[in-house]
Each structure stands twice: as structure tokens, then as C-alpha cells.
Amino acid sequence: MKPAWFGAHGHSVGSKAASAEERQASANGAVHTDALEEFTSVDLRDEHGFPPIDRTPKLFIGGKQARPDSGYSLTITAPSGRVLGEVGEGNRKDIRNAVEAAHKASGWSGSSAHNRAQILYYIAENLGARETEFAQRIVAQTGRGYADALNEVQTSLSRLFTYAAWTDKFEGSVHLPPMRGAVLAMKEAIGVIGQACPDEYPLLGFISLVAPAIAMGNTVVTIPSSRAPFSATDCYQIFETSDVPAGVINIVTGDREVLSKVLAEHHDVNSMWYFGSAEGSKAVELASTSNMKRTWVNYGRSRNWLERIQGEGQEFLREATQVKNIWVPYGE
């Protein structure tokens, strides 16, 4: 079944592309230029300027799609100005509901590393089955080329597999203190992590923050890209069919700066990750002082999310864990 944004009035845009040769090229990641231009230039609006089918994504809280408390929505447009659709506009109460749902899912940290890895593998497998759809969604939201968008989706899949493999390998260590004994440095989940995703690479940025956090046993309340949120909201069905327990992943769409400040001020949020402007980074750090929560912000500096050094690895895993030291004295 093709999504509503893929074609209007029962006709697939892909069917207009024409030849089997071009469809084969698309499968290899090299879409014909004419077909791509046709896809990105088709106007899906009706005579009133609205999309043909209303697919306004709701919020994702406690494993369910929830209407925003305000009842308002935000219009999302392509770089060309074409209306792509709307998303719910979350507010303070939606954040509160999401944090409560995340705490109710605290048993996730007690699940086995093998179980968390299997669920991450399921997410990757289900996302991989829809990679063409997600790539075309990125094209529509960002105006980038199809090959570039497909590379973003495939890198997101690789990232999910990477963190699935890390679940039982990012372990603690043993220290020898200046006494007769040993200290076990155990890495454990922080708890509830608030996350504000970057606008660059809307799917990859989202996956790159969510995957390491849940791999280490945390639950998350995530604010997707404000410019291109559909890449995150399209994942609702992926999570629902991948055995992700309710409340482990919560998504609240809306104004990133406003919602980030609310998350940073919330006393039941244990850590806050923010990737946006320098001003937003400063606001998050100031708001987090009320309960001295951990923060990880980018101070407005861009990050190449496609690179493995900048976009994944132990830096993310360290930010997703805290160390508990267990002192074990022993005699002769």
C-alpha cells in the first residue's frame, strides 16, 4: 500500500515515470533525473490548496498515537513552498504525559541486552522493507536528490544494526583502588532522556539519537526536526510492529525551541540532549540547572551525521549511561 503523499487521486507518481529500465535504476539507487523531477514537482493539493487525504500525524505517547492537548497543528512545507501536510503541535501537557509514559516503561532498563538487541534488529528490518518510501519522503521534505536520501535511509539502517550489536558490549570495568579490594565500575541506564533532533538529515538524526539511548536501557521523549518531522512520525508504525514496549519511545512534534525548554525544566527528566542553535543550547543548559540534570548540547555547531566518527559510537553510548561504583574489599 502506497502512502497518501506518494500519489494523488489513485494514480502513483511512480507509474508516470514509465519504463522498466528506469524502475530498475531506481532500485539500484540511481533514479532517472526526469522521473525525480516529475516526483518532486507534482502538486498534490486540491483546488483549496490542501493535500488530497488528511494524514495529520498525531503524537506518539505510551505506545499510542495521541492527539495534541492544544488541538492545534503545524503546517509543514517543502523547500519549494508546497504544502506537504500538518503535524500536531505539542505543548507542556503533552511533554508531561510523555515523561509519565517514559517512567512507566522503566522496566526496559531491566530487560536483557539480548532482548534490546533483538528489538533494534526488528526496527531495522521493518524500516528496511520501506526504505524507498522513506527515501521519497526525505526528498519531498528537503528537496535533496533521491540517491542522497536513499543513502540517509541506508545509513540509518546501519546505525540501528550497530547499536543492536553494542547492547551487550559496552560494559563496565574493574579498578584497583589504594586499598585491599576492587571497585566494579558498572555502566547503567540514566533513566528518561529528553532529545531534540537536528534539522539536518531528519531520519538519520532521529535514529542516531534514539537508538543509542534505548540500546543502553533508557526511555526517551524525542522532539523530531521541526522542518521535516514526517521522517520521525512515519516511524510510528515501525515501532508498533517491532515489539517496542509502550513508553520506551515517545515522540512529541512541535516547536523545537519551546518544547526543549519545557523538557529541560522538567524535574523527572534525567538527561537532556539538544542539537540545534547556540541560543537553544544555552537555554537548555540554563533550564536544566533547576534539578542539575545532565545535558549534552552542540552549541550551534553542525555535525556530519553520515560519518561514523561524528554520527555514532562510544561518545553516544557514554552520554546514554552513568557509572555506578561498587567497592568490594577483601582480606588476606
Protein backbone atom coordinates (compact mmCIF):
# COMPACT_ATOMS: atom_id res chain seq x y z
CA MET A 1 0.00 0.00 0.00
CA LYS A 2 1.49 3.35 -1.00
CA PRO A 3 1.18 6.30 1.39
CA ALA A 4 -1.11 9.21 0.57
CA TRP A 5 1.71 11.63 -0.14
CA PHE A 6 3.17 9.29 -2.78
CA GLY A 7 0.42 9.92 -5.30
CA ALA A 8 -2.86 11.75 -5.70
CA HIS A 9 -6.36 10.68 -6.86
CA GLY A 10 -5.44 6.99 -7.07
CA HIS A 11 -2.56 7.45 -9.52
CA SER A 12 1.00 6.66 -8.40
CA VAL A 13 3.59 9.23 -9.43
CA GLY A 14 5.95 6.32 -9.99
CA SER A 15 3.60 4.91 -12.62
CA LYS A 16 4.07 8.07 -14.65
CA ALA A 17 7.82 7.54 -14.72
CA ALA A 18 7.24 4.85 -17.29
CA SER A 19 9.82 2.31 -18.29
CA ALA A 20 11.01 -0.82 -16.54
CA GLU A 21 14.57 0.35 -17.15
CA GLU A 22 14.03 3.43 -15.02
CA ARG A 23 12.39 1.36 -12.28
CA GLN A 24 15.42 -0.93 -12.25
CA ALA A 25 17.70 2.11 -11.98
CA SER A 26 15.62 3.32 -9.05
CA ALA A 27 16.13 0.00 -7.30
CA ASN A 28 19.88 0.47 -7.64
CA GLY A 29 19.72 3.95 -6.11
CA ALA A 30 20.22 5.79 -9.40
CA VAL A 31 16.86 7.35 -10.25
CA HIS A 32 16.45 8.89 -13.67
CA THR A 33 16.63 12.67 -13.44
CA ASP A 34 13.39 13.22 -15.36
CA ALA A 35 11.46 10.85 -13.07
CA LEU A 36 12.85 12.52 -9.96
CA GLU A 37 11.97 15.99 -11.24
CA GLU A 38 8.46 14.78 -12.00
CA PHE A 39 8.10 13.34 -8.48
CA THR A 40 9.28 16.47 -6.71
CA SER A 41 7.29 18.86 -8.91
CA VAL A 42 3.86 17.18 -8.71
CA ASP A 43 1.42 19.35 -6.79
CA LEU A 44 -0.70 17.12 -4.54
CA ARG A 45 -3.01 19.92 -3.40
CA ASP A 46 -6.65 20.17 -4.36
CA GLU A 47 -8.40 23.33 -5.55
CA HIS A 48 -8.40 24.65 -1.97
CA GLY A 49 -4.67 24.18 -1.52
CA PHE A 50 -4.89 21.12 0.77
CA PRO A 51 -3.39 17.64 0.36
CA PRO A 52 -5.88 15.12 -1.12
CA ILE A 53 -6.04 12.98 2.06
CA ASP A 54 -5.63 14.34 5.58
CA ARG A 55 -2.83 12.33 7.18
CA THR A 56 -2.01 14.67 10.02
CA PRO A 57 0.27 12.60 12.27
CA LYS A 58 -0.57 12.65 15.94
CA LEU A 59 1.91 12.47 18.80
CA PHE A 60 3.31 9.12 19.91
CA ILE A 61 2.97 8.71 23.67
CA GLY A 62 2.89 5.49 25.68
CA GLY A 63 2.88 3.31 22.58
CA LYS A 64 -0.23 5.01 21.19
CA GLN A 65 -0.91 7.84 18.79
CA ALA A 66 -2.33 10.71 20.82
CA ARG A 67 -3.94 13.95 19.73
CA PRO A 68 -2.11 17.08 20.92
CA ASP A 69 -3.61 18.67 24.02
CA SER A 70 -3.87 22.07 22.32
CA GLY A 71 -5.83 20.72 19.36
CA TYR A 72 -3.61 22.76 17.05
CA SER A 73 -1.38 21.62 14.21
CA LEU A 74 1.61 22.99 12.31
CA THR A 75 1.80 23.18 8.53
CA ILE A 76 4.89 21.55 7.00
CA THR A 77 6.04 22.79 3.60
CA ALA A 78 8.63 21.65 1.09
CA PRO A 79 11.56 23.97 0.21
CA SER A 80 9.53 24.96 -2.85
CA GLY A 81 6.70 26.16 -0.62
CA ARG A 82 4.36 23.28 -1.48
CA VAL A 83 2.26 22.11 1.47
CA LEU A 84 3.21 18.56 2.48
CA GLY A 85 0.83 18.18 5.40
CA GLU A 86 0.46 19.03 9.06
CA VAL A 87 1.69 17.65 12.38
CA GLY A 88 0.32 18.05 15.86
CA GLU A 89 1.60 20.99 17.87
CA GLY A 90 2.69 19.62 21.23
CA ASN A 91 2.69 21.70 24.40
CA ARG A 92 3.67 21.46 28.07
CA LYS A 93 0.94 18.97 28.95
CA ASP A 94 1.94 16.68 26.08
CA ILE A 95 5.51 16.71 27.37
CA ARG A 96 4.26 15.88 30.87
CA ASN A 97 2.22 12.96 29.52
CA ALA A 98 5.21 11.70 27.54
CA VAL A 99 7.53 11.86 30.57
CA GLU A 100 4.98 9.96 32.67
CA ALA A 101 4.73 7.28 29.97
CA ALA A 102 8.52 7.04 29.82
CA HIS A 103 8.74 6.46 33.58
CA LYS A 104 6.07 3.76 33.41
CA ALA A 105 8.33 1.93 30.94
CA SER A 106 11.29 1.94 33.35
CA GLY A 107 11.30 -1.86 33.28
CA TRP A 108 13.02 -1.55 29.91
CA SER A 109 16.34 -0.97 31.72
CA GLY A 110 15.94 -4.32 33.45
CA SER A 111 15.41 -6.25 30.22
CA SER A 112 18.27 -8.32 28.92
CA ALA A 113 20.77 -6.86 26.47
CA HIS A 114 19.82 -9.65 24.07
CA ASN A 115 16.17 -8.60 24.17
CA ARG A 116 17.01 -4.95 23.48
CA ALA A 117 19.27 -6.00 20.60
CA GLN A 118 16.53 -8.12 19.03
CA ILE A 119 14.07 -5.23 19.13
CA LEU A 120 16.58 -2.90 17.50
CA TYR A 121 17.10 -5.54 14.80
CA TYR A 122 13.32 -5.72 14.30
CA ILE A 123 13.15 -1.93 13.88
CA ALA A 124 15.90 -2.06 11.26
CA GLU A 125 14.27 -4.94 9.39
CA ASN A 126 10.88 -3.21 9.26
CA LEU A 127 12.42 0.09 8.24
CA GLY A 128 14.44 -1.64 5.53
CA ALA A 129 11.26 -3.05 4.00
CA ARG A 130 10.07 0.55 3.45
CA GLU A 131 13.35 2.23 2.53
CA THR A 132 12.09 3.50 -0.84
CA GLU A 133 9.07 5.12 0.82
CA PHE A 134 11.22 6.77 3.49
CA ALA A 135 13.72 8.00 0.89
CA GLN A 136 10.96 9.59 -1.17
CA ARG A 137 9.59 11.22 1.96
CA ILE A 138 13.01 12.78 2.60
CA VAL A 139 13.13 14.04 -0.99
CA ALA A 140 9.72 15.68 -0.57
CA GLN A 141 10.65 17.36 2.73
CA THR A 142 14.17 18.51 1.96
CA GLY A 143 14.38 18.83 -1.84
CA ARG A 144 17.55 16.72 -1.90
CA GLY A 145 18.27 14.17 -4.60
CA TYR A 146 16.87 10.66 -4.36
CA ALA A 147 20.30 8.98 -4.22
CA ASP A 148 21.29 11.23 -1.31
CA ALA A 149 18.01 10.49 0.50
CA LEU A 150 18.38 6.75 -0.05
CA ASN A 151 21.89 6.92 1.39
CA GLU A 152 20.45 8.57 4.51
CA VAL A 153 17.94 5.75 4.94
CA GLN A 154 20.57 3.06 4.44
CA THR A 155 22.90 4.77 6.91
CA SER A 156 20.04 4.83 9.41
CA LEU A 157 19.65 1.07 8.96
CA SER A 158 23.36 0.57 9.51
CA ARG A 159 23.17 2.67 12.67
CA LEU A 160 20.36 0.55 14.10
CA PHE A 161 22.33 -2.65 13.46
CA THR A 162 25.42 -1.07 15.03
CA TYR A 163 23.68 -0.18 18.29
CA ALA A 164 21.92 -3.56 18.38
CA ALA A 165 25.40 -5.09 18.39
CA TRP A 166 26.59 -2.69 21.11
CA THR A 167 23.87 -3.57 23.64
CA ASP A 168 25.93 -6.32 25.33
CA LYS A 169 29.40 -4.97 24.59
CA PHE A 170 29.53 -1.52 26.21
CA GLU A 171 30.36 -2.92 29.61
CA GLY A 172 31.90 -1.80 32.87
CA SER A 173 35.41 -2.28 34.17
CA VAL A 174 37.33 -3.25 37.31
CA HIS A 175 39.59 -0.74 39.10
CA LEU A 176 42.24 -1.35 41.74
CA PRO A 177 41.92 1.35 44.43
CA PRO A 178 44.63 2.19 47.03
CA MET A 179 43.24 -0.40 49.42
CA ARG A 180 42.93 -4.15 49.55
CA GLY A 181 39.93 -4.61 47.36
CA ALA A 182 38.45 -3.96 43.95
CA VAL A 183 36.00 -1.48 42.50
CA LEU A 184 33.47 -2.58 39.91
CA ALA A 185 32.56 0.33 37.62
CA MET A 186 29.14 -0.69 36.30
CA LYS A 187 27.55 1.16 33.38
CA GLU A 188 23.80 1.54 33.74
CA ALA A 189 20.96 3.46 32.12
CA ILE A 190 20.36 7.07 33.12
CA GLY A 191 16.57 6.88 33.03
CA VAL A 192 14.40 9.24 31.00
CA ILE A 193 16.31 11.17 28.32
CA GLY A 194 14.82 14.19 26.55
CA GLN A 195 16.05 14.67 22.99
CA ALA A 196 15.79 17.50 20.47
CA CYS A 197 16.76 16.31 17.00
CA PRO A 198 18.69 18.29 14.37
CA ASP A 199 17.12 19.58 11.16
CA GLU A 200 19.88 18.12 9.00
CA TYR A 201 19.14 14.55 7.96
CA PRO A 202 15.68 14.27 9.55
CA LEU A 203 15.59 10.46 9.67
CA LEU A 204 19.26 9.81 10.39
CA GLY A 205 19.43 12.49 13.09
CA PHE A 206 16.36 10.99 14.76
CA ILE A 207 17.66 7.40 14.63
CA SER A 208 21.15 8.44 15.73
CA LEU A 209 19.77 9.85 18.99
CA VAL A 210 17.05 7.34 19.78
CA ALA A 211 18.98 4.13 19.03
CA PRO A 212 21.93 4.50 21.46
CA ALA A 213 19.66 5.75 24.24
CA ILE A 214 17.27 2.80 24.12
CA ALA A 215 20.11 0.33 23.42
CA MET A 216 21.51 1.16 26.86
CA GLY A 217 18.12 0.74 28.54
CA ASN A 218 16.89 4.32 28.69
CA THR A 219 13.44 5.57 27.72
CA VAL A 220 13.18 8.70 25.57
CA VAL A 221 10.97 11.70 24.91
CA THR A 222 12.04 12.93 21.50
CA ILE A 223 11.30 16.15 19.61
CA PRO A 224 11.88 15.49 15.89
CA SER A 225 13.07 18.05 13.36
CA SER A 226 10.65 20.97 13.20
CA ARG A 227 11.25 21.43 9.47
CA ALA A 228 10.94 17.78 8.44
CA PRO A 229 9.11 15.85 11.17
CA PHE A 230 7.43 13.30 8.90
CA SER A 231 10.54 11.10 8.80
CA ALA A 232 10.06 10.55 12.54
CA THR A 233 6.27 10.33 12.58
CA ASP A 234 6.35 7.74 9.78
CA CYS A 235 8.24 5.52 12.25
CA TYR A 236 5.14 5.10 14.44
CA GLN A 237 4.06 2.00 12.53
CA ILE A 238 7.65 0.74 12.55
CA PHE A 239 7.79 0.89 16.36
CA GLU A 240 4.31 -0.57 16.77
CA THR A 241 5.25 -3.64 14.72
CA SER A 242 8.74 -4.15 16.18
CA ASP A 243 7.82 -5.20 19.74
CA VAL A 244 8.96 -1.87 21.24
CA PRO A 245 7.31 -1.73 24.70
CA ALA A 246 4.84 1.10 25.23
CA GLY A 247 6.51 4.20 26.62
CA VAL A 248 10.10 3.35 25.64
CA ILE A 249 9.96 5.77 22.68
CA ASN A 250 7.73 8.85 22.93
CA ILE A 251 7.59 11.49 20.18
CA VAL A 252 6.20 15.00 20.59
CA THR A 253 6.14 17.20 17.48
CA GLY A 254 6.09 20.99 17.54
CA ASP A 255 8.40 23.95 18.02
CA ARG A 256 11.79 22.51 18.98
CA GLU A 257 12.95 25.53 20.98
CA VAL A 258 9.76 25.79 23.05
CA LEU A 259 9.45 22.08 23.76
CA SER A 260 13.17 21.70 24.51
CA LYS A 261 12.93 24.29 27.25
CA VAL A 262 9.92 22.51 28.75
CA LEU A 263 11.81 19.19 28.73
CA ALA A 264 14.90 20.77 30.26
CA GLU A 265 12.84 22.28 33.08
CA HIS A 266 11.03 19.03 33.87
CA HIS A 267 12.29 17.57 37.15
CA ASP A 268 11.51 13.98 36.16
CA VAL A 269 13.75 14.10 33.08
CA ASN A 270 17.19 12.76 33.96
CA SER A 271 19.17 13.98 30.95
CA MET A 272 18.64 16.33 28.02
CA TRP A 273 20.22 16.08 24.56
CA TYR A 274 19.86 19.08 22.27
CA PHE A 275 21.11 19.55 18.70
CA GLY A 276 20.10 22.94 17.38
CA SER A 277 21.14 26.57 17.65
CA ALA A 278 23.68 28.12 20.01
CA GLU A 279 20.90 30.12 21.67
CA GLY A 280 18.82 26.97 22.15
CA SER A 281 21.81 25.16 23.65
CA LYS A 282 22.29 27.94 26.18
CA ALA A 283 18.59 27.96 27.06
CA VAL A 284 18.61 24.20 27.64
CA GLU A 285 21.63 24.36 29.93
CA LEU A 286 20.16 27.22 31.96
CA ALA A 287 16.79 25.48 32.28
CA SER A 288 18.46 22.24 33.39
CA THR A 289 20.07 23.78 36.46
CA SER A 290 16.85 23.51 38.48
CA ASN A 291 17.46 19.82 39.16
CA MET A 292 21.08 19.58 37.93
CA LYS A 293 20.23 17.17 35.13
CA ARG A 294 22.88 16.07 32.67
CA THR A 295 22.94 17.94 29.36
CA TRP A 296 24.53 17.25 26.00
CA VAL A 297 24.26 20.15 23.56
CA ASN A 298 26.03 21.13 20.35
CA TYR A 299 26.27 24.93 20.91
CA GLY A 300 25.09 25.50 17.35
CA ARG A 301 27.93 23.55 15.73
CA SER A 302 26.93 21.30 12.86
CA ARG A 303 27.74 17.60 12.93
CA ASN A 304 28.19 15.31 9.94
CA TRP A 305 25.65 12.62 10.81
CA LEU A 306 26.72 10.44 7.87
CA GLU A 307 30.21 9.98 9.27
CA ARG A 308 30.71 7.16 11.75
CA ILE A 309 33.13 9.21 13.87
CA GLN A 310 30.69 12.10 14.34
CA GLY A 311 27.36 10.32 13.99
CA GLU A 312 27.73 7.18 16.11
CA GLY A 313 29.94 5.32 18.53
CA GLN A 314 31.05 5.35 22.13
CA GLU A 315 30.52 9.09 22.57
CA PHE A 316 26.78 8.49 22.24
CA LEU A 317 26.90 5.42 24.49
CA ARG A 318 28.76 7.33 27.21
CA GLU A 319 26.11 10.04 27.15
CA ALA A 320 23.44 7.34 27.48
CA THR A 321 24.92 5.73 30.59
CA GLN A 322 26.07 6.54 34.09
CA VAL A 323 28.67 4.70 36.16
CA LYS A 324 27.89 3.04 39.49
CA ASN A 325 30.99 2.11 41.51
CA ILE A 326 30.72 -0.97 43.72
CA TRP A 327 33.51 -1.33 46.29
CA VAL A 328 34.48 -4.92 47.09
CA PRO A 329 37.02 -5.15 49.95
CA TYR A 330 38.67 -8.47 50.61
CA GLY A 331 41.12 -9.89 53.18
CA GLU A 332 44.27 -11.93 53.01
